[in-house]
């Protein structure tokens, strides 16, 4: 069985809050392998396919997110998760909630 580990710094402004958590879990669920995340290489590890567990991690910007992937498609899953994290969960997209307060 293939096992892959990787890590990346959370660069998006709010870290691993609700919207990035949902993006991460949706992506994780597209793979057959087991995917876990942690804020330390020693754990505790949580199931990346569980939105509730991922949101409980509450990782702020600047945290290192560790990923541990086990299963047949582990290398592809690890690359995809790392790409999402390194892209800042695409948080730079237009967000109607983020407007100047003097609108």
PDB file of N, CA and C in Angstrom:
ATOM      1  N   UNK A   1       0.845  -1.189   0.000  1.00  0.00           N
ATOM      2  CA  UNK A   1       0.000   0.000   0.000  1.00  0.00           C
ATOM      3  C   UNK A   1       0.883   1.243   0.000  1.00  0.00           C
ATOM      4  N   UNK A   2       0.488   2.240  -0.760  1.00  0.00           N
ATOM      5  CA  UNK A   2       1.245   3.476  -0.865  1.00  0.00           C
ATOM      6  C   UNK A   2       0.916   4.415   0.293  1.00  0.00           C
ATOM      7  N   UNK A   3       1.931   5.044   0.854  1.00  0.00           N
ATOM      8  CA  UNK A   3       1.731   6.052   1.885  1.00  0.00           C
ATOM      9  C   UNK A   3       2.553   7.274   1.506  1.00  0.00           C
ATOM     10  N   UNK A   4       1.935   8.435   1.563  1.00  0.00           N
ATOM     11  CA  UNK A   4       2.592   9.673   1.176  1.00  0.00           C
ATOM     12  C   UNK A   4       2.343  10.712   2.259  1.00  0.00           C
ATOM     13  N   UNK A   5       3.378  11.484   2.599  1.00  0.00           N
ATOM     14  CA  UNK A   5       3.200  12.611   3.511  1.00  0.00           C
ATOM     15  C   UNK A   5       3.677  13.872   2.807  1.00  0.00           C
ATOM     16  N   UNK A   6       3.090  14.978   3.172  1.00  0.00           N
ATOM     17  CA  UNK A   6       3.458  16.273   2.603  1.00  0.00           C
ATOM     18  C   UNK A   6       3.060  17.348   3.593  1.00  0.00           C
ATOM     19  N   UNK A   7       3.589  18.540   3.407  1.00  0.00           N
ATOM     20  CA  UNK A   7       3.191  19.661   4.255  1.00  0.00           C
ATOM     21  C   UNK A   7       3.325  20.958   3.481  1.00  0.00           C
ATOM     22  N   UNK A   8       2.535  21.933   3.889  1.00  0.00           N
ATOM     23  CA  UNK A   8       2.554  23.245   3.256  1.00  0.00           C
ATOM     24  C   UNK A   8       2.072  24.281   4.260  1.00  0.00           C
ATOM     25  N   UNK A   9       2.530  25.506   4.077  1.00  0.00           N
ATOM     26  CA  UNK A   9       2.121  26.613   4.941  1.00  0.00           C
ATOM     27  C   UNK A   9       0.784  27.159   4.450  1.00  0.00           C
ATOM     28  N   UNK A  10      -0.120  27.397   5.397  1.00  0.00           N
ATOM     29  CA  UNK A  10      -1.412  28.014   5.072  1.00  0.00           C
ATOM     30  C   UNK A  10      -1.168  29.507   4.843  1.00  0.00           C
ATOM     31  N   UNK A  11      -1.326  29.956   3.615  1.00  0.00           N
ATOM     32  CA  UNK A  11      -1.032  31.349   3.280  1.00  0.00           C
ATOM     33  C   UNK A  11      -2.275  32.209   3.137  1.00  0.00           C
ATOM     34  N   UNK A  12      -3.459  31.582   3.021  1.00  0.00           N
ATOM     35  CA  UNK A  12      -4.665  32.383   2.881  1.00  0.00           C
ATOM     36  C   UNK A  12      -4.936  33.149   4.174  1.00  0.00           C
ATOM     37  N   UNK A  13      -5.572  34.298   4.055  1.00  0.00           N
ATOM     38  CA  UNK A  13      -5.709  35.245   5.164  1.00  0.00           C
ATOM     39  C   UNK A  13      -6.321  34.674   6.433  1.00  0.00           C
ATOM     40  N   UNK A  14      -7.286  33.788   6.306  1.00  0.00           N
ATOM     41  CA  UNK A  14      -7.983  33.304   7.502  1.00  0.00           C
ATOM     42  C   UNK A  14      -7.668  31.861   7.852  1.00  0.00           C
ATOM     43  N   UNK A  15      -6.681  31.268   7.187  1.00  0.00           N
ATOM     44  CA  UNK A  15      -6.315  29.900   7.516  1.00  0.00           C
ATOM     45  C   UNK A  15      -7.381  28.892   7.133  1.00  0.00           C
ATOM     46  N   UNK A  16      -7.483  27.861   7.941  1.00  0.00           N
ATOM     47  CA  UNK A  16      -8.405  26.762   7.631  1.00  0.00           C
ATOM     48  C   UNK A  16      -9.750  27.008   8.322  1.00  0.00           C
ATOM     49  N   UNK A  17     -10.517  27.971   7.795  1.00  0.00           N
ATOM     50  CA  UNK A  17     -11.844  28.258   8.343  1.00  0.00           C
ATOM     51  C   UNK A  17     -12.883  27.495   7.522  1.00  0.00           C
ATOM     52  N   UNK A  18     -14.135  27.871   7.618  1.00  0.00           N
ATOM     53  CA  UNK A  18     -15.223  27.087   7.018  1.00  0.00           C
ATOM     54  C   UNK A  18     -15.077  26.855   5.514  1.00  0.00           C
ATOM     55  N   UNK A  19     -14.912  27.913   4.740  1.00  0.00           N
ATOM     56  CA  UNK A  19     -14.877  27.748   3.283  1.00  0.00           C
ATOM     57  C   UNK A  19     -13.690  26.903   2.815  1.00  0.00           C
ATOM     58  N   UNK A  20     -12.462  27.161   3.290  1.00  0.00           N
ATOM     59  CA  UNK A  20     -11.354  26.285   2.890  1.00  0.00           C
ATOM     60  C   UNK A  20     -11.530  24.847   3.380  1.00  0.00           C
ATOM     61  N   UNK A  21     -12.138  24.680   4.548  1.00  0.00           N
ATOM     62  CA  UNK A  21     -12.379  23.321   5.062  1.00  0.00           C
ATOM     63  C   UNK A  21     -13.281  22.547   4.113  1.00  0.00           C
ATOM     64  N   UNK A  22     -14.331  23.206   3.624  1.00  0.00           N
ATOM     65  CA  UNK A  22     -15.257  22.554   2.699  1.00  0.00           C
ATOM     66  C   UNK A  22     -14.541  22.225   1.389  1.00  0.00           C
ATOM     67  N   UNK A  23     -13.728  23.153   0.883  1.00  0.00           N
ATOM     68  CA  UNK A  23     -12.983  22.895  -0.355  1.00  0.00           C
ATOM     69  C   UNK A  23     -12.054  21.698  -0.182  1.00  0.00           C
ATOM     70  N   UNK A  24     -11.382  21.643   0.965  1.00  0.00           N
ATOM     71  CA  UNK A  24     -10.451  20.550   1.220  1.00  0.00           C
ATOM     72  C   UNK A  24     -11.193  19.216   1.307  1.00  0.00           C
ATOM     73  N   UNK A  25     -12.297  19.174   2.031  1.00  0.00           N
ATOM     74  CA  UNK A  25     -13.021  17.903   2.178  1.00  0.00           C
ATOM     75  C   UNK A  25     -13.639  17.459   0.857  1.00  0.00           C
ATOM     76  N   UNK A  26     -14.164  18.411   0.075  1.00  0.00           N
ATOM     77  CA  UNK A  26     -14.720  18.038  -1.239  1.00  0.00           C
ATOM     78  C   UNK A  26     -13.650  17.420  -2.128  1.00  0.00           C
ATOM     79  N   UNK A  27     -12.471  18.024  -2.126  1.00  0.00           N
ATOM     80  CA  UNK A  27     -11.373  17.486  -2.922  1.00  0.00           C
ATOM     81  C   UNK A  27     -10.954  16.117  -2.393  1.00  0.00           C
ATOM     82  N   UNK A  28     -10.816  15.990  -1.078  1.00  0.00           N
ATOM     83  CA  UNK A  28     -10.398  14.719  -0.475  1.00  0.00           C
ATOM     84  C   UNK A  28     -11.357  13.587  -0.835  1.00  0.00           C
ATOM     85  N   UNK A  29     -12.642  13.896  -0.868  1.00  0.00           N
ATOM     86  CA  UNK A  29     -13.642  12.865  -1.159  1.00  0.00           C
ATOM     87  C   UNK A  29     -13.595  12.368  -2.601  1.00  0.00           C
ATOM     88  N   UNK A  30     -12.864  13.057  -3.475  1.00  0.00           N
ATOM     89  CA  UNK A  30     -12.756  12.601  -4.865  1.00  0.00           C
ATOM     90  C   UNK A  30     -11.726  11.487  -5.015  1.00  0.00           C
ATOM     91  N   UNK A  31     -11.011  11.182  -3.941  1.00  0.00           N
ATOM     92  CA  UNK A  31      -9.989  10.131  -3.966  1.00  0.00           C
ATOM     93  C   UNK A  31     -10.430   8.939  -3.119  1.00  0.00           C
ATOM     94  N   UNK A  32      -9.998   7.761  -3.520  1.00  0.00           N
ATOM     95  CA  UNK A  32     -10.352   6.536  -2.797  1.00  0.00           C
ATOM     96  C   UNK A  32      -9.511   6.346  -1.538  1.00  0.00           C
ATOM     97  N   UNK A  33      -8.314   6.918  -1.523  1.00  0.00           N
ATOM     98  CA  UNK A  33      -7.381   6.695  -0.412  1.00  0.00           C
ATOM     99  C   UNK A  33      -7.844   7.389   0.869  1.00  0.00           C
ATOM    100  N   UNK A  34      -7.198   7.029   1.980  1.00  0.00           N
ATOM    101  CA  UNK A  34      -7.438   7.684   3.268  1.00  0.00           C
ATOM    102  C   UNK A  34      -6.568   8.924   3.320  1.00  0.00           C
ATOM    103  N   UNK A  35      -7.165  10.062   3.686  1.00  0.00           N
ATOM    104  CA  UNK A  35      -6.431  11.321   3.765  1.00  0.00           C
ATOM    105  C   UNK A  35      -6.652  11.911   5.144  1.00  0.00           C
ATOM    106  N   UNK A  36      -5.551  12.230   5.809  1.00  0.00           N
ATOM    107  CA  UNK A  36      -5.621  12.820   7.142  1.00  0.00           C
ATOM    108  C   UNK A  36      -4.797  14.097   7.158  1.00  0.00           C
ATOM    109  N   UNK A  37      -5.186  15.039   8.024  1.00  0.00           N
ATOM    110  CA  UNK A  37      -4.428  16.276   8.188  1.00  0.00           C
ATOM    111  C   UNK A  37      -4.107  16.488   9.656  1.00  0.00           C
ATOM    112  N   UNK A  38      -3.066  17.291   9.904  1.00  0.00           N
ATOM    113  CA  UNK A  38      -2.664  17.627  11.270  1.00  0.00           C
ATOM    114  C   UNK A  38      -1.858  18.921  11.238  1.00  0.00           C
ATOM    115  N   UNK A  39      -1.742  19.566  12.388  1.00  0.00           N
ATOM    116  CA  UNK A  39      -0.913  20.765  12.499  1.00  0.00           C
ATOM    117  C   UNK A  39       0.489  20.428  12.977  1.00  0.00           C
ATOM    118  N   UNK A  40       0.706  19.167  13.307  1.00  0.00           N
ATOM    119  CA  UNK A  40       2.023  18.686  13.724  1.00  0.00           C
ATOM    120  C   UNK A  40       2.279  17.361  13.029  1.00  0.00           C
ATOM    121  N   UNK A  41       3.517  17.114  12.665  1.00  0.00           N
ATOM    122  CA  UNK A  41       3.854  15.851  12.007  1.00  0.00           C
ATOM    123  C   UNK A  41       3.567  14.660  12.920  1.00  0.00           C
ATOM    124  N   UNK A  42       3.458  14.925  14.218  1.00  0.00           N
ATOM    125  CA  UNK A  42       3.167  13.875  15.194  1.00  0.00           C
ATOM    126  C   UNK A  42       1.671  13.731  15.466  1.00  0.00           C
ATOM    127  N   UNK A  43       0.851  14.544  14.810  1.00  0.00           N
ATOM    128  CA  UNK A  43      -0.588  14.484  15.036  1.00  0.00           C
ATOM    129  C   UNK A  43      -1.014  15.449  16.123  1.00  0.00           C
ATOM    130  N   UNK A  44      -2.243  15.385  16.585  1.00  0.00           N
ATOM    131  CA  UNK A  44      -3.253  14.387  16.242  1.00  0.00           C
ATOM    132  C   UNK A  44      -3.756  14.557  14.802  1.00  0.00           C
ATOM    133  N   UNK A  45      -4.013  13.426  14.161  1.00  0.00           N
ATOM    134  CA  UNK A  45      -4.465  13.386  12.782  1.00  0.00           C
ATOM    135  C   UNK A  45      -5.978  13.317  12.730  1.00  0.00           C
ATOM    136  N   UNK A  46      -6.570  14.029  11.768  1.00  0.00           N
ATOM    137  CA  UNK A  46      -8.022  13.978  11.585  1.00  0.00           C
ATOM    138  C   UNK A  46      -8.343  13.611  10.140  1.00  0.00           C
ATOM    139  N   UNK A  47      -9.489  13.008   9.957  1.00  0.00           N
ATOM    140  CA  UNK A  47      -9.961  12.574   8.648  1.00  0.00           C
ATOM    141  C   UNK A  47     -10.279  13.787   7.782  1.00  0.00           C
ATOM    142  N   UNK A  48      -9.556  13.952   6.673  1.00  0.00           N
ATOM    143  CA  UNK A  48      -9.749  15.103   5.790  1.00  0.00           C
ATOM    144  C   UNK A  48     -11.050  15.027   5.004  1.00  0.00           C
ATOM    145  N   UNK A  49     -11.747  13.907   5.078  1.00  0.00           N
ATOM    146  CA  UNK A  49     -13.022  13.764   4.373  1.00  0.00           C
ATOM    147  C   UNK A  49     -14.210  14.137   5.261  1.00  0.00           C
ATOM    148  N   UNK A  50     -13.928  14.556   6.492  1.00  0.00           N
ATOM    149  CA  UNK A  50     -14.971  14.957   7.435  1.00  0.00           C
ATOM    150  C   UNK A  50     -14.931  16.474   7.627  1.00  0.00           C
ATOM    151  N   UNK A  51     -15.915  17.211   7.073  1.00  0.00           N
ATOM    152  CA  UNK A  51     -15.910  18.671   7.221  1.00  0.00           C
ATOM    153  C   UNK A  51     -15.875  19.127   8.675  1.00  0.00           C
ATOM    154  N   UNK A  52     -16.605  18.457   9.534  1.00  0.00           N
ATOM    155  CA  UNK A  52     -16.649  18.845  10.943  1.00  0.00           C
ATOM    156  C   UNK A  52     -15.273  18.688  11.589  1.00  0.00           C
ATOM    157  N   UNK A  53     -14.617  17.563  11.338  1.00  0.00           N
ATOM    158  CA  UNK A  53     -13.293  17.327  11.924  1.00  0.00           C
ATOM    159  C   UNK A  53     -12.263  18.307  11.369  1.00  0.00           C
ATOM    160  N   UNK A  54     -12.341  18.600  10.075  1.00  0.00           N
ATOM    161  CA  UNK A  54     -11.382  19.536   9.474  1.00  0.00           C
ATOM    162  C   UNK A  54     -11.583  20.934  10.057  1.00  0.00           C
ATOM    163  N   UNK A  55     -12.825  21.369  10.210  1.00  0.00           N
ATOM    164  CA  UNK A  55     -13.086  22.699  10.779  1.00  0.00           C
ATOM    165  C   UNK A  55     -12.602  22.803  12.218  1.00  0.00           C
ATOM    166  N   UNK A  56     -12.641  21.706  12.947  1.00  0.00           N
ATOM    167  CA  UNK A  56     -12.183  21.712  14.347  1.00  0.00           C
ATOM    168  C   UNK A  56     -10.678  21.918  14.462  1.00  0.00           C
ATOM    169  N   UNK A  57      -9.945  21.702  13.383  1.00  0.00           N
ATOM    170  CA  UNK A  57      -8.491  21.905  13.411  1.00  0.00           C
ATOM    171  C   UNK A  57      -8.173  23.374  13.670  1.00  0.00           C
ATOM    172  N   UNK A  58      -8.991  24.287  13.126  1.00  0.00           N
ATOM    173  CA  UNK A  58      -8.847  25.736  13.354  1.00  0.00           C
ATOM    174  C   UNK A  58      -7.413  26.212  13.164  1.00  0.00           C
ATOM    175  N   UNK A  59      -6.855  25.927  12.013  1.00  0.00           N
ATOM    176  CA  UNK A  59      -5.478  26.309  11.718  1.00  0.00           C
ATOM    177  C   UNK A  59      -5.424  27.753  11.221  1.00  0.00           C
ATOM    178  N   UNK A  60      -4.706  28.634  11.921  1.00  0.00           N
ATOM    179  CA  UNK A  60      -4.601  30.022  11.467  1.00  0.00           C
ATOM    180  C   UNK A  60      -3.600  30.180  10.323  1.00  0.00           C
ATOM    181  N   UNK A  61      -3.650  31.337   9.674  1.00  0.00           N
ATOM    182  CA  UNK A  61      -2.684  31.647   8.620  1.00  0.00           C
ATOM    183  C   UNK A  61      -1.276  31.498   9.190  1.00  0.00           C
ATOM    184  N   UNK A  62      -0.381  30.927   8.398  1.00  0.00           N
ATOM    185  CA  UNK A  62       0.992  30.727   8.821  1.00  0.00           C
ATOM    186  C   UNK A  62       1.254  29.350   9.422  1.00  0.00           C
ATOM    187  N   UNK A  63       0.197  28.613   9.740  1.00  0.00           N
ATOM    188  CA  UNK A  63       0.348  27.257  10.264  1.00  0.00           C
ATOM    189  C   UNK A  63       0.866  26.329   9.170  1.00  0.00           C
ATOM    190  N   UNK A  64       1.562  25.305   9.581  1.00  0.00           N
ATOM    191  CA  UNK A  64       1.979  24.277   8.634  1.00  0.00           C
ATOM    192  C   UNK A  64       0.951  23.157   8.692  1.00  0.00           C
ATOM    193  N   UNK A  65       0.342  22.886   7.545  1.00  0.00           N
ATOM    194  CA  UNK A  65      -0.643  21.817   7.456  1.00  0.00           C
ATOM    195  C   UNK A  65       0.057  20.561   6.946  1.00  0.00           C
ATOM    196  N   UNK A  66       0.001  19.517   7.744  1.00  0.00           N
ATOM    197  CA  UNK A  66       0.604  18.233   7.380  1.00  0.00           C
ATOM    198  C   UNK A  66      -0.482  17.326   6.823  1.00  0.00           C
ATOM    199  N   UNK A  67      -0.135  16.597   5.781  1.00  0.00           N
ATOM    200  CA  UNK A  67      -1.076  15.688   5.136  1.00  0.00           C
ATOM    201  C   UNK A  67      -0.460  14.300   5.108  1.00  0.00           C
ATOM    202  N   UNK A  68      -1.259  13.299   5.466  1.00  0.00           N
ATOM    203  CA  UNK A  68      -0.829  11.901   5.432  1.00  0.00           C
ATOM    204  C   UNK A  68      -1.860  11.138   4.617  1.00  0.00           C
ATOM    205  N   UNK A  69      -1.403  10.530   3.535  1.00  0.00           N
ATOM    206  CA  UNK A  69      -2.307   9.875   2.595  1.00  0.00           C
ATOM    207  C   UNK A  69      -1.888   8.420   2.427  1.00  0.00           C
ATOM    208  N   UNK A  70      -2.847   7.507   2.541  1.00  0.00           N
ATOM    209  CA  UNK A  70      -2.580   6.079   2.426  1.00  0.00           C
ATOM    210  C   UNK A  70      -3.576   5.447   1.470  1.00  0.00           C
ATOM    211  N   UNK A  71      -3.073   4.737   0.486  1.00  0.00           N
ATOM    212  CA  UNK A  71      -3.962   4.052  -0.443  1.00  0.00           C
ATOM    213  C   UNK A  71      -3.431   4.099  -1.860  1.00  0.00           C
ATOM    214  N   UNK A  72      -4.190   3.511  -2.745  1.00  0.00           N
ATOM    215  CA  UNK A  72      -3.763   3.332  -4.127  1.00  0.00           C
ATOM    216  C   UNK A  72      -3.483   4.646  -4.861  1.00  0.00           C
ATOM    217  N   UNK A  73      -4.348   5.644  -4.675  1.00  0.00           N
ATOM    218  CA  UNK A  73      -4.151   6.909  -5.387  1.00  0.00           C
ATOM    219  C   UNK A  73      -3.520   7.988  -4.492  1.00  0.00           C
ATOM    220  N   UNK A  74      -2.747   7.569  -3.503  1.00  0.00           N
ATOM    221  CA  UNK A  74      -2.148   8.490  -2.540  1.00  0.00           C
ATOM    222  C   UNK A  74      -1.280   9.581  -3.177  1.00  0.00           C
ATOM    223  N   UNK A  75      -0.372   9.246  -4.110  1.00  0.00           N
ATOM    224  CA  UNK A  75       0.462  10.322  -4.675  1.00  0.00           C
ATOM    225  C   UNK A  75      -0.361  11.420  -5.350  1.00  0.00           C
ATOM    226  N   UNK A  76      -1.356  11.043  -6.124  1.00  0.00           N
ATOM    227  CA  UNK A  76      -2.200  12.028  -6.796  1.00  0.00           C
ATOM    228  C   UNK A  76      -2.995  12.851  -5.785  1.00  0.00           C
ATOM    229  N   UNK A  77      -3.491  12.199  -4.751  1.00  0.00           N
ATOM    230  CA  UNK A  77      -4.269  12.899  -3.731  1.00  0.00           C
ATOM    231  C   UNK A  77      -3.398  13.903  -2.991  1.00  0.00           C
ATOM    232  N   UNK A  78      -2.199  13.498  -2.616  1.00  0.00           N
ATOM    233  CA  UNK A  78      -1.285  14.399  -1.902  1.00  0.00           C
ATOM    234  C   UNK A  78      -0.952  15.612  -2.763  1.00  0.00           C
ATOM    235  N   UNK A  79      -0.673  15.380  -4.050  1.00  0.00           N
ATOM    236  CA  UNK A  79      -0.369  16.506  -4.962  1.00  0.00           C
ATOM    237  C   UNK A  79      -1.551  17.459  -5.062  1.00  0.00           C
ATOM    238  N   UNK A  80      -2.757  16.927  -5.182  1.00  0.00           N
ATOM    239  CA  UNK A  80      -3.947  17.766  -5.325  1.00  0.00           C
ATOM    240  C   UNK A  80      -4.207  18.587  -4.058  1.00  0.00           C
ATOM    241  N   UNK A  81      -4.080  17.964  -2.904  1.00  0.00           N
ATOM    242  CA  UNK A  81      -4.298  18.675  -1.632  1.00  0.00           C
ATOM    243  C   UNK A  81      -3.253  19.771  -1.467  1.00  0.00           C
ATOM    244  N   UNK A  82      -1.997  19.454  -1.748  1.00  0.00           N
ATOM    245  CA  UNK A  82      -0.926  20.450  -1.627  1.00  0.00           C
ATOM    246  C   UNK A  82      -1.143  21.603  -2.603  1.00  0.00           C
ATOM    247  N   UNK A  83      -1.590  21.312  -3.802  1.00  0.00           N
ATOM    248  CA  UNK A  83      -1.858  22.370  -4.791  1.00  0.00           C
ATOM    249  C   UNK A  83      -2.956  23.305  -4.287  1.00  0.00           C
ATOM    250  N   UNK A  84      -3.994  22.738  -3.676  1.00  0.00           N
ATOM    251  CA  UNK A  84      -5.084  23.545  -3.134  1.00  0.00           C
ATOM    252  C   UNK A  84      -4.581  24.449  -2.016  1.00  0.00           C
ATOM    253  N   UNK A  85      -3.796  23.894  -1.098  1.00  0.00           N
ATOM    254  CA  UNK A  85      -3.258  24.670   0.024  1.00  0.00           C
ATOM    255  C   UNK A  85      -2.325  25.760  -0.494  1.00  0.00           C
ATOM    256  N   UNK A  86      -1.427  25.395  -1.408  1.00  0.00           N
ATOM    257  CA  UNK A  86      -0.460  26.357  -1.931  1.00  0.00           C
ATOM    258  C   UNK A  86      -1.128  27.457  -2.746  1.00  0.00           C
ATOM    259  N   UNK A  87      -2.306  27.184  -3.296  1.00  0.00           N
ATOM    260  CA  UNK A  87      -3.068  28.206  -4.033  1.00  0.00           C
ATOM    261  C   UNK A  87      -3.897  29.065  -3.087  1.00  0.00           C
ATOM    262  N   UNK A  88      -3.720  28.861  -1.783  1.00  0.00           N
ATOM    263  CA  UNK A  88      -4.478  29.641  -0.806  1.00  0.00           C
ATOM    264  C   UNK A  88      -5.961  29.358  -0.853  1.00  0.00           C
ATOM    265  N   UNK A  89      -6.318  28.130  -1.269  1.00  0.00           N
ATOM    266  CA  UNK A  89      -7.720  27.705  -1.370  1.00  0.00           C
ATOM    267  C   UNK A  89      -8.494  28.619  -2.322  1.00  0.00           C
ATOM    268  N   UNK A  90      -7.773  29.286  -3.221  1.00  0.00           N
ATOM    269  CA  UNK A  90      -8.376  30.217  -4.179  1.00  0.00           C
ATOM    270  C   UNK A  90      -9.165  31.317  -3.465  1.00  0.00           C
ATOM    271  N   UNK A  91      -8.691  31.713  -2.297  1.00  0.00           N
ATOM    272  CA  UNK A  91      -9.366  32.744  -1.506  1.00  0.00           C
ATOM    273  C   UNK A  91      -9.275  34.121  -2.143  1.00  0.00           C
ATOM    274  N   UNK A  92      -8.388  34.313  -3.104  1.00  0.00           N
ATOM    275  CA  UNK A  92      -8.243  35.615  -3.742  1.00  0.00           C
ATOM    276  C   UNK A  92      -9.353  35.888  -4.753  1.00  0.00           C
ATOM    277  N   UNK A  93     -10.211  34.890  -4.981  1.00  0.00           N
ATOM    278  CA  UNK A  93     -11.328  35.072  -5.903  1.00  0.00           C
ATOM    279  C   UNK A  93     -12.238  36.187  -5.406  1.00  0.00           C
ATOM    280  N   UNK A  94     -12.994  36.752  -6.309  1.00  0.00           N
ATOM    281  CA  UNK A  94     -13.947  37.800  -5.932  1.00  0.00           C
ATOM    282  C   UNK A  94     -14.879  37.267  -4.855  1.00  0.00           C
ATOM    283  N   UNK A  95     -15.001  37.990  -3.779  1.00  0.00           N
ATOM    284  CA  UNK A  95     -15.840  37.577  -2.655  1.00  0.00           C
ATOM    285  C   UNK A  95     -16.806  38.712  -2.326  1.00  0.00           C
ATOM    286  N   UNK A  96     -18.101  38.527  -2.547  1.00  0.00           N
ATOM    287  CA  UNK A  96     -19.064  39.599  -2.286  1.00  0.00           C
ATOM    288  C   UNK A  96     -19.118  39.999  -0.815  1.00  0.00           C
ATOM    289  N   UNK A  97     -18.638  39.155   0.086  1.00  0.00           N
ATOM    290  CA  UNK A  97     -18.631  39.487   1.511  1.00  0.00           C
ATOM    291  C   UNK A  97     -17.504  40.459   1.852  1.00  0.00           C
ATOM    292  N   UNK A  98     -16.478  40.513   1.002  1.00  0.00           N
ATOM    293  CA  UNK A  98     -15.325  41.359   1.280  1.00  0.00           C
ATOM    294  C   UNK A  98     -15.448  42.668   0.506  1.00  0.00           C
ATOM    295  N   UNK A  99     -16.053  43.623   1.120  1.00  0.00           N
ATOM    296  CA  UNK A  99     -16.186  44.947   0.521  1.00  0.00           C
ATOM    297  C   UNK A  99     -15.639  45.982   1.488  1.00  0.00           C
ATOM    298  N   UNK A 100     -15.215  47.072   0.957  1.00  0.00           N
ATOM    299  CA  UNK A 100     -14.742  48.158   1.818  1.00  0.00           C
ATOM    300  C   UNK A 100     -15.893  48.616   2.692  1.00  0.00           C
ATOM    301  N   UNK A 101     -15.591  48.961   3.934  1.00  0.00           N
ATOM    302  CA  UNK A 101     -16.650  49.335   4.869  1.00  0.00           C
ATOM    303  C   UNK A 101     -17.295  50.678   4.526  1.00  0.00           C
ATOM    304  N   UNK A 102     -16.686  51.440   3.621  1.00  0.00           N
ATOM    305  CA  UNK A 102     -17.270  52.735   3.266  1.00  0.00           C
ATOM    306  C   UNK A 102     -18.116  52.669   1.996  1.00  0.00           C
ATOM    307  N   UNK A 103     -18.600  51.485   1.633  1.00  0.00           N
ATOM    308  CA  UNK A 103     -19.483  51.347   0.458  1.00  0.00           C
ATOM    309  C   UNK A 103     -20.783  52.103   0.675  1.00  0.00           C
TER     310      UNK A 103
END
